[in-house]
Amino acid sequence: MTTAGFDTRVSRRTTDNSVDIAGTLWPLYKLEALAIGLIVFVAILAITTSMQPAVLTAAAAAVVTWWVRRNYYSRS
């Protein structure tokens, strides 16, 4: 035998808290974090007209949203 018997089946478990994007399940908390990061980025950029505070604030908001929502969904 020239090949190892690897199991190539893919699990397609769907949960209530995931969204199918191009055949890949994305947890909802990731999409929420990206949306919040984008909104904060645009708002801070419009207020300060400087990229540095906009990027840093948006990254911080996205990380905080990511972890808070991840903990929320894992408990429910």
PDB file of N, CA and C in Angstrom:
ATOM      1  N   MET A   1       0.857  -1.182   0.000  1.00  0.00           N
ATOM      2  CA  MET A   1       0.000   0.000   0.000  1.00  0.00           C
ATOM      3  C   MET A   1       0.895   1.233   0.000  1.00  0.00           C
ATOM      4  N   THR A   2       0.623   2.150  -0.902  1.00  0.00           N
ATOM      5  CA  THR A   2       1.490   3.317  -1.047  1.00  0.00           C
ATOM      6  C   THR A   2       0.971   4.555  -0.332  1.00  0.00           C
ATOM      7  N   THR A   3      -0.261   4.547   0.091  1.00  0.00           N
ATOM      8  CA  THR A   3      -0.802   5.717   0.781  1.00  0.00           C
ATOM      9  C   THR A   3      -1.319   5.313   2.147  1.00  0.00           C
ATOM     10  N   ALA A   4      -1.235   6.247   3.045  1.00  0.00           N
ATOM     11  CA  ALA A   4      -1.806   6.024   4.371  1.00  0.00           C
ATOM     12  C   ALA A   4      -3.310   6.225   4.275  1.00  0.00           C
ATOM     13  N   GLY A   5      -4.046   5.506   5.075  1.00  0.00           N
ATOM     14  CA  GLY A   5      -5.500   5.593   5.018  1.00  0.00           C
ATOM     15  C   GLY A   5      -6.034   6.783   5.788  1.00  0.00           C
ATOM     16  N   PHE A   6      -5.865   7.965   5.231  1.00  0.00           N
ATOM     17  CA  PHE A   6      -6.357   9.168   5.897  1.00  0.00           C
ATOM     18  C   PHE A   6      -7.847   9.315   5.655  1.00  0.00           C
ATOM     19  N   ASP A   7      -8.524   9.775   6.669  1.00  0.00           N
ATOM     20  CA  ASP A   7      -9.952  10.037   6.550  1.00  0.00           C
ATOM     21  C   ASP A   7     -10.129  11.427   5.966  1.00  0.00           C
ATOM     22  N   THR A   8     -10.689  11.528   4.777  1.00  0.00           N
ATOM     23  CA  THR A   8     -10.807  12.816   4.100  1.00  0.00           C
ATOM     24  C   THR A   8     -12.195  13.419   4.212  1.00  0.00           C
ATOM     25  N   ARG A   9     -13.035  12.845   5.031  1.00  0.00           N
ATOM     26  CA  ARG A   9     -14.372  13.414   5.193  1.00  0.00           C
ATOM     27  C   ARG A   9     -14.295  14.710   5.989  1.00  0.00           C
ATOM     28  N   VAL A  10     -15.108  15.660   5.593  1.00  0.00           N
ATOM     29  CA  VAL A  10     -15.140  16.956   6.248  1.00  0.00           C
ATOM     30  C   VAL A  10     -16.432  17.068   7.028  1.00  0.00           C
ATOM     31  N   SER A  11     -16.307  17.486   8.257  1.00  0.00           N
ATOM     32  CA  SER A  11     -17.493  17.666   9.091  1.00  0.00           C
ATOM     33  C   SER A  11     -18.159  18.991   8.746  1.00  0.00           C
ATOM     34  N   ARG A  12     -19.429  18.955   8.470  1.00  0.00           N
ATOM     35  CA  ARG A  12     -20.195  20.167   8.150  1.00  0.00           C
ATOM     36  C   ARG A  12     -21.215  20.437   9.250  1.00  0.00           C
ATOM     37  N   ARG A  13     -20.706  20.526  10.459  1.00  0.00           N
ATOM     38  CA  ARG A  13     -21.611  20.822  11.570  1.00  0.00           C
ATOM     39  C   ARG A  13     -22.056  22.280  11.505  1.00  0.00           C
ATOM     40  N   THR A  14     -23.321  22.497  11.621  1.00  0.00           N
ATOM     41  CA  THR A  14     -23.828  23.858  11.645  1.00  0.00           C
ATOM     42  C   THR A  14     -24.318  24.162  13.048  1.00  0.00           C
ATOM     43  N   THR A  15     -24.013  25.344  13.465  1.00  0.00           N
ATOM     44  CA  THR A  15     -24.488  25.801  14.762  1.00  0.00           C
ATOM     45  C   THR A  15     -25.346  27.037  14.546  1.00  0.00           C
ATOM     46  N   ASP A  16     -26.019  27.432  15.568  1.00  0.00           N
ATOM     47  CA  ASP A  16     -26.863  28.622  15.460  1.00  0.00           C
ATOM     48  C   ASP A  16     -26.035  29.893  15.346  1.00  0.00           C
ATOM     49  N   ASN A  17     -24.782  29.837  15.795  1.00  0.00           N
ATOM     50  CA  ASN A  17     -23.964  31.041  15.855  1.00  0.00           C
ATOM     51  C   ASN A  17     -22.882  31.063  14.789  1.00  0.00           C
ATOM     52  N   SER A  18     -23.176  30.555  13.616  1.00  0.00           N
ATOM     53  CA  SER A  18     -22.196  30.606  12.544  1.00  0.00           C
ATOM     54  C   SER A  18     -22.894  30.951  11.232  1.00  0.00           C
ATOM     55  N   VAL A  19     -22.087  31.522  10.328  1.00  0.00           N
ATOM     56  CA  VAL A  19     -22.596  31.969   9.037  1.00  0.00           C
ATOM     57  C   VAL A  19     -21.744  31.304   7.960  1.00  0.00           C
ATOM     58  N   ASP A  20     -22.385  30.790   6.927  1.00  0.00           N
ATOM     59  CA  ASP A  20     -21.683  30.155   5.828  1.00  0.00           C
ATOM     60  C   ASP A  20     -21.267  31.219   4.814  1.00  0.00           C
ATOM     61  N   ILE A  21     -19.951  31.399   4.661  1.00  0.00           N
ATOM     62  CA  ILE A  21     -19.423  32.353   3.692  1.00  0.00           C
ATOM     63  C   ILE A  21     -18.505  31.578   2.759  1.00  0.00           C
ATOM     64  N   ALA A  22     -18.915  31.456   1.514  1.00  0.00           N
ATOM     65  CA  ALA A  22     -18.141  30.763   0.483  1.00  0.00           C
ATOM     66  C   ALA A  22     -17.784  29.345   0.902  1.00  0.00           C
ATOM     67  N   GLY A  23     -18.699  28.662   1.530  1.00  0.00           N
ATOM     68  CA  GLY A  23     -18.487  27.272   1.909  1.00  0.00           C
ATOM     69  C   GLY A  23     -17.738  27.065   3.205  1.00  0.00           C
ATOM     70  N   THR A  24     -17.429  28.135   3.912  1.00  0.00           N
ATOM     71  CA  THR A  24     -16.720  28.047   5.187  1.00  0.00           C
ATOM     72  C   THR A  24     -17.594  28.627   6.280  1.00  0.00           C
ATOM     73  N   LEU A  25     -17.734  27.891   7.375  1.00  0.00           N
ATOM     74  CA  LEU A  25     -18.524  28.398   8.495  1.00  0.00           C
ATOM     75  C   LEU A  25     -17.697  29.388   9.306  1.00  0.00           C
ATOM     76  N   TRP A  26     -18.210  30.591   9.439  1.00  0.00           N
ATOM     77  CA  TRP A  26     -17.572  31.621  10.252  1.00  0.00           C
ATOM     78  C   TRP A  26     -18.396  31.819  11.511  1.00  0.00           C
ATOM     79  N   PRO A  27     -17.767  31.790  12.673  1.00  0.00           N
ATOM     80  CA  PRO A  27     -18.512  32.103  13.896  1.00  0.00           C
ATOM     81  C   PRO A  27     -19.005  33.555  13.852  1.00  0.00           C
ATOM     82  N   LEU A  28     -20.177  33.761  14.385  1.00  0.00           N
ATOM     83  CA  LEU A  28     -20.793  35.083  14.340  1.00  0.00           C
ATOM     84  C   LEU A  28     -19.971  36.128  15.087  1.00  0.00           C
ATOM     85  N   TYR A  29     -19.290  35.719  16.173  1.00  0.00           N
ATOM     86  CA  TYR A  29     -18.511  36.701  16.938  1.00  0.00           C
ATOM     87  C   TYR A  29     -17.364  37.284  16.112  1.00  0.00           C
ATOM     88  N   LYS A  30     -16.816  36.526  15.170  1.00  0.00           N
ATOM     89  CA  LYS A  30     -15.750  37.052  14.334  1.00  0.00           C
ATOM     90  C   LYS A  30     -16.272  38.130  13.386  1.00  0.00           C
ATOM     91  N   LEU A  31     -17.438  37.870  12.815  1.00  0.00           N
ATOM     92  CA  LEU A  31     -18.029  38.866  11.912  1.00  0.00           C
ATOM     93  C   LEU A  31     -18.447  40.120  12.664  1.00  0.00           C
ATOM     94  N   GLU A  32     -18.950  39.947  13.889  1.00  0.00           N
ATOM     95  CA  GLU A  32     -19.313  41.107  14.702  1.00  0.00           C
ATOM     96  C   GLU A  32     -18.079  41.938  15.041  1.00  0.00           C
ATOM     97  N   ALA A  33     -16.979  41.275  15.375  1.00  0.00           N
ATOM     98  CA  ALA A  33     -15.747  41.990  15.710  1.00  0.00           C
ATOM     99  C   ALA A  33     -15.212  42.756  14.506  1.00  0.00           C
ATOM    100  N   LEU A  34     -15.265  42.148  13.323  1.00  0.00           N
ATOM    101  CA  LEU A  34     -14.812  42.850  12.122  1.00  0.00           C
ATOM    102  C   LEU A  34     -15.688  44.059  11.807  1.00  0.00           C
ATOM    103  N   ALA A  35     -16.994  43.913  11.988  1.00  0.00           N
ATOM    104  CA  ALA A  35     -17.901  45.033  11.729  1.00  0.00           C
ATOM    105  C   ALA A  35     -17.666  46.179  12.712  1.00  0.00           C
ATOM    106  N   ILE A  36     -17.524  45.849  13.979  1.00  0.00           N
ATOM    107  CA  ILE A  36     -17.272  46.886  14.986  1.00  0.00           C
ATOM    108  C   ILE A  36     -15.939  47.572  14.707  1.00  0.00           C
ATOM    109  N   GLY A  37     -14.917  46.794  14.362  1.00  0.00           N
ATOM    110  CA  GLY A  37     -13.621  47.386  14.041  1.00  0.00           C
ATOM    111  C   GLY A  37     -13.699  48.344  12.869  1.00  0.00           C
ATOM    112  N   LEU A  38     -14.441  47.970  11.835  1.00  0.00           N
ATOM    113  CA  LEU A  38     -14.584  48.842  10.671  1.00  0.00           C
ATOM    114  C   LEU A  38     -15.345  50.128  11.017  1.00  0.00           C
ATOM    115  N   ILE A  39     -16.406  49.997  11.784  1.00  0.00           N
ATOM    116  CA  ILE A  39     -17.192  51.169  12.175  1.00  0.00           C
ATOM    117  C   ILE A  39     -16.366  52.121  13.033  1.00  0.00           C
ATOM    118  N   VAL A  40     -15.636  51.566  13.997  1.00  0.00           N
ATOM    119  CA  VAL A  40     -14.798  52.406  14.859  1.00  0.00           C
ATOM    120  C   VAL A  40     -13.687  53.063  14.042  1.00  0.00           C
ATOM    121  N   PHE A  41     -13.096  52.315  13.124  1.00  0.00           N
ATOM    122  CA  PHE A  41     -12.041  52.880  12.280  1.00  0.00           C
ATOM    123  C   PHE A  41     -12.539  54.086  11.490  1.00  0.00           C
ATOM    124  N   VAL A  42     -13.679  53.934  10.840  1.00  0.00           N
ATOM    125  CA  VAL A  42     -14.218  55.032  10.023  1.00  0.00           C
ATOM    126  C   VAL A  42     -14.592  56.228  10.902  1.00  0.00           C
ATOM    127  N   ALA A  43     -15.183  55.965  12.066  1.00  0.00           N
ATOM    128  CA  ALA A  43     -15.588  57.061  12.953  1.00  0.00           C
ATOM    129  C   ALA A  43     -14.379  57.835  13.479  1.00  0.00           C
ATOM    130  N   ILE A  44     -13.371  57.129  13.964  1.00  0.00           N
ATOM    131  CA  ILE A  44     -12.189  57.804  14.511  1.00  0.00           C
ATOM    132  C   ILE A  44     -11.407  58.503  13.402  1.00  0.00           C
ATOM    133  N   LEU A  45     -11.359  57.892  12.221  1.00  0.00           N
ATOM    134  CA  LEU A  45     -10.682  58.547  11.097  1.00  0.00           C
ATOM    135  C   LEU A  45     -11.391  59.837  10.705  1.00  0.00           C
ATOM    136  N   ALA A  46     -12.712  59.834  10.735  1.00  0.00           N
ATOM    137  CA  ALA A  46     -13.465  61.053  10.400  1.00  0.00           C
ATOM    138  C   ALA A  46     -13.281  62.130  11.462  1.00  0.00           C
ATOM    139  N   ILE A  47     -13.162  61.714  12.715  1.00  0.00           N
ATOM    140  CA  ILE A  47     -13.026  62.690  13.801  1.00  0.00           C
ATOM    141  C   ILE A  47     -11.617  63.274  13.855  1.00  0.00           C
ATOM    142  N   THR A  48     -10.604  62.406  13.788  1.00  0.00           N
ATOM    143  CA  THR A  48      -9.231  62.872  13.989  1.00  0.00           C
ATOM    144  C   THR A  48      -8.485  63.139  12.689  1.00  0.00           C
ATOM    145  N   THR A  49      -8.930  62.610  11.571  1.00  0.00           N
ATOM    146  CA  THR A  49      -8.264  62.679  10.265  1.00  0.00           C
ATOM    147  C   THR A  49      -6.809  62.223  10.339  1.00  0.00           C
ATOM    148  N   SER A  50      -6.558  61.251  11.190  1.00  0.00           N
ATOM    149  CA  SER A  50      -5.222  60.680  11.326  1.00  0.00           C
ATOM    150  C   SER A  50      -5.349  59.163  11.374  1.00  0.00           C
ATOM    151  N   MET A  51      -4.480  58.472  10.633  1.00  0.00           N
ATOM    152  CA  MET A  51      -4.569  57.020  10.538  1.00  0.00           C
ATOM    153  C   MET A  51      -4.144  56.310  11.828  1.00  0.00           C
ATOM    154  N   GLN A  52      -3.133  56.814  12.514  1.00  0.00           N
ATOM    155  CA  GLN A  52      -2.597  56.096  13.663  1.00  0.00           C
ATOM    156  C   GLN A  52      -3.621  55.871  14.770  1.00  0.00           C
ATOM    157  N   PRO A  53      -4.292  56.905  15.255  1.00  0.00           N
ATOM    158  CA  PRO A  53      -5.294  56.633  16.293  1.00  0.00           C
ATOM    159  C   PRO A  53      -6.470  55.812  15.776  1.00  0.00           C
ATOM    160  N   ALA A  54      -6.813  55.985  14.510  1.00  0.00           N
ATOM    161  CA  ALA A  54      -7.940  55.237  13.948  1.00  0.00           C
ATOM    162  C   ALA A  54      -7.628  53.744  13.902  1.00  0.00           C
ATOM    163  N   VAL A  55      -6.446  53.380  13.444  1.00  0.00           N
ATOM    164  CA  VAL A  55      -6.071  51.977  13.345  1.00  0.00           C
ATOM    165  C   VAL A  55      -5.933  51.351  14.735  1.00  0.00           C
ATOM    166  N   LEU A  56      -5.267  52.034  15.643  1.00  0.00           N
ATOM    167  CA  LEU A  56      -5.057  51.483  16.982  1.00  0.00           C
ATOM    168  C   LEU A  56      -6.372  51.337  17.748  1.00  0.00           C
ATOM    169  N   THR A  57      -7.239  52.315  17.645  1.00  0.00           N
ATOM    170  CA  THR A  57      -8.523  52.239  18.343  1.00  0.00           C
ATOM    171  C   THR A  57      -9.411  51.158  17.731  1.00  0.00           C
ATOM    172  N   ALA A  58      -9.420  51.063  16.418  1.00  0.00           N
ATOM    173  CA  ALA A  58     -10.228  50.036  15.756  1.00  0.00           C
ATOM    174  C   ALA A  58      -9.724  48.637  16.093  1.00  0.00           C
ATOM    175  N   ALA A  59      -8.408  48.460  16.135  1.00  0.00           N
ATOM    176  CA  ALA A  59      -7.849  47.154  16.496  1.00  0.00           C
ATOM    177  C   ALA A  59      -8.219  46.786  17.927  1.00  0.00           C
ATOM    178  N   ALA A  60      -8.124  47.742  18.829  1.00  0.00           N
ATOM    179  CA  ALA A  60      -8.486  47.480  20.225  1.00  0.00           C
ATOM    180  C   ALA A  60      -9.968  47.142  20.348  1.00  0.00           C
ATOM    181  N   ALA A  61     -10.819  47.873  19.645  1.00  0.00           N
ATOM    182  CA  ALA A  61     -12.257  47.603  19.703  1.00  0.00           C
ATOM    183  C   ALA A  61     -12.583  46.230  19.120  1.00  0.00           C
ATOM    184  N   ALA A  62     -11.910  45.856  18.048  1.00  0.00           N
ATOM    185  CA  ALA A  62     -12.161  44.554  17.434  1.00  0.00           C
ATOM    186  C   ALA A  62     -11.719  43.414  18.348  1.00  0.00           C
ATOM    187  N   VAL A  63     -10.574  43.561  18.993  1.00  0.00           N
ATOM    188  CA  VAL A  63     -10.082  42.512  19.893  1.00  0.00           C
ATOM    189  C   VAL A  63     -10.996  42.358  21.104  1.00  0.00           C
ATOM    190  N   VAL A  64     -11.402  43.471  21.675  1.00  0.00           N
ATOM    191  CA  VAL A  64     -12.295  43.400  22.844  1.00  0.00           C
ATOM    192  C   VAL A  64     -13.631  42.779  22.449  1.00  0.00           C
ATOM    193  N   THR A  65     -14.177  43.192  21.321  1.00  0.00           N
ATOM    194  CA  THR A  65     -15.438  42.619  20.853  1.00  0.00           C
ATOM    195  C   THR A  65     -15.292  41.133  20.585  1.00  0.00           C
ATOM    196  N   TRP A  66     -14.200  40.753  19.943  1.00  0.00           N
ATOM    197  CA  TRP A  66     -13.925  39.348  19.611  1.00  0.00           C
ATOM    198  C   TRP A  66     -13.970  38.494  20.875  1.00  0.00           C
ATOM    199  N   TRP A  67     -13.239  38.867  21.921  1.00  0.00           N
ATOM    200  CA  TRP A  67     -13.147  38.046  23.133  1.00  0.00           C
ATOM    201  C   TRP A  67     -14.430  38.072  23.954  1.00  0.00           C
ATOM    202  N   VAL A  68     -15.065  39.227  24.054  1.00  0.00           N
ATOM    203  CA  VAL A  68     -16.308  39.308  24.835  1.00  0.00           C
ATOM    204  C   VAL A  68     -17.404  38.487  24.183  1.00  0.00           C
ATOM    205  N   ARG A  69     -17.578  38.642  22.871  1.00  0.00           N
ATOM    206  CA  ARG A  69     -18.633  37.891  22.182  1.00  0.00           C
ATOM    207  C   ARG A  69     -18.309  36.389  22.117  1.00  0.00           C
ATOM    208  N   ARG A  70     -17.032  36.038  22.017  1.00  0.00           N
ATOM    209  CA  ARG A  70     -16.646  34.621  22.016  1.00  0.00           C
ATOM    210  C   ARG A  70     -17.010  33.975  23.346  1.00  0.00           C
ATOM    211  N   ASN A  71     -16.723  34.662  24.430  1.00  0.00           N
ATOM    212  CA  ASN A  71     -17.088  34.136  25.745  1.00  0.00           C
ATOM    213  C   ASN A  71     -18.603  34.051  25.909  1.00  0.00           C
ATOM    214  N   TYR A  72     -19.316  35.028  25.382  1.00  0.00           N
ATOM    215  CA  TYR A  72     -20.771  35.028  25.475  1.00  0.00           C
ATOM    216  C   TYR A  72     -21.365  33.834  24.730  1.00  0.00           C
ATOM    217  N   TYR A  73     -20.891  33.598  23.488  1.00  0.00           N
ATOM    218  CA  TYR A  73     -21.442  32.494  22.693  1.00  0.00           C
ATOM    219  C   TYR A  73     -21.025  31.139  23.228  1.00  0.00           C
ATOM    220  N   SER A  74     -19.855  31.041  23.850  1.00  0.00           N
ATOM    221  CA  SER A  74     -19.436  29.741  24.375  1.00  0.00           C
ATOM    222  C   SER A  74     -20.228  29.361  25.621  1.00  0.00           C
ATOM    223  N   ARG A  75     -20.769  30.324  26.322  1.00  0.00           N
ATOM    224  CA  ARG A  75     -21.559  30.043  27.524  1.00  0.00           C
ATOM    225  C   ARG A  75     -23.016  29.730  27.209  1.00  0.00           C
ATOM    226  N   SER A  76     -23.490  30.210  26.067  1.00  0.00           N
ATOM    227  CA  SER A  76     -24.913  29.984  25.741  1.00  0.00           C
ATOM    228  C   SER A  76     -25.106  28.807  24.833  1.00  0.00           C
TER     229      SER A  76
END
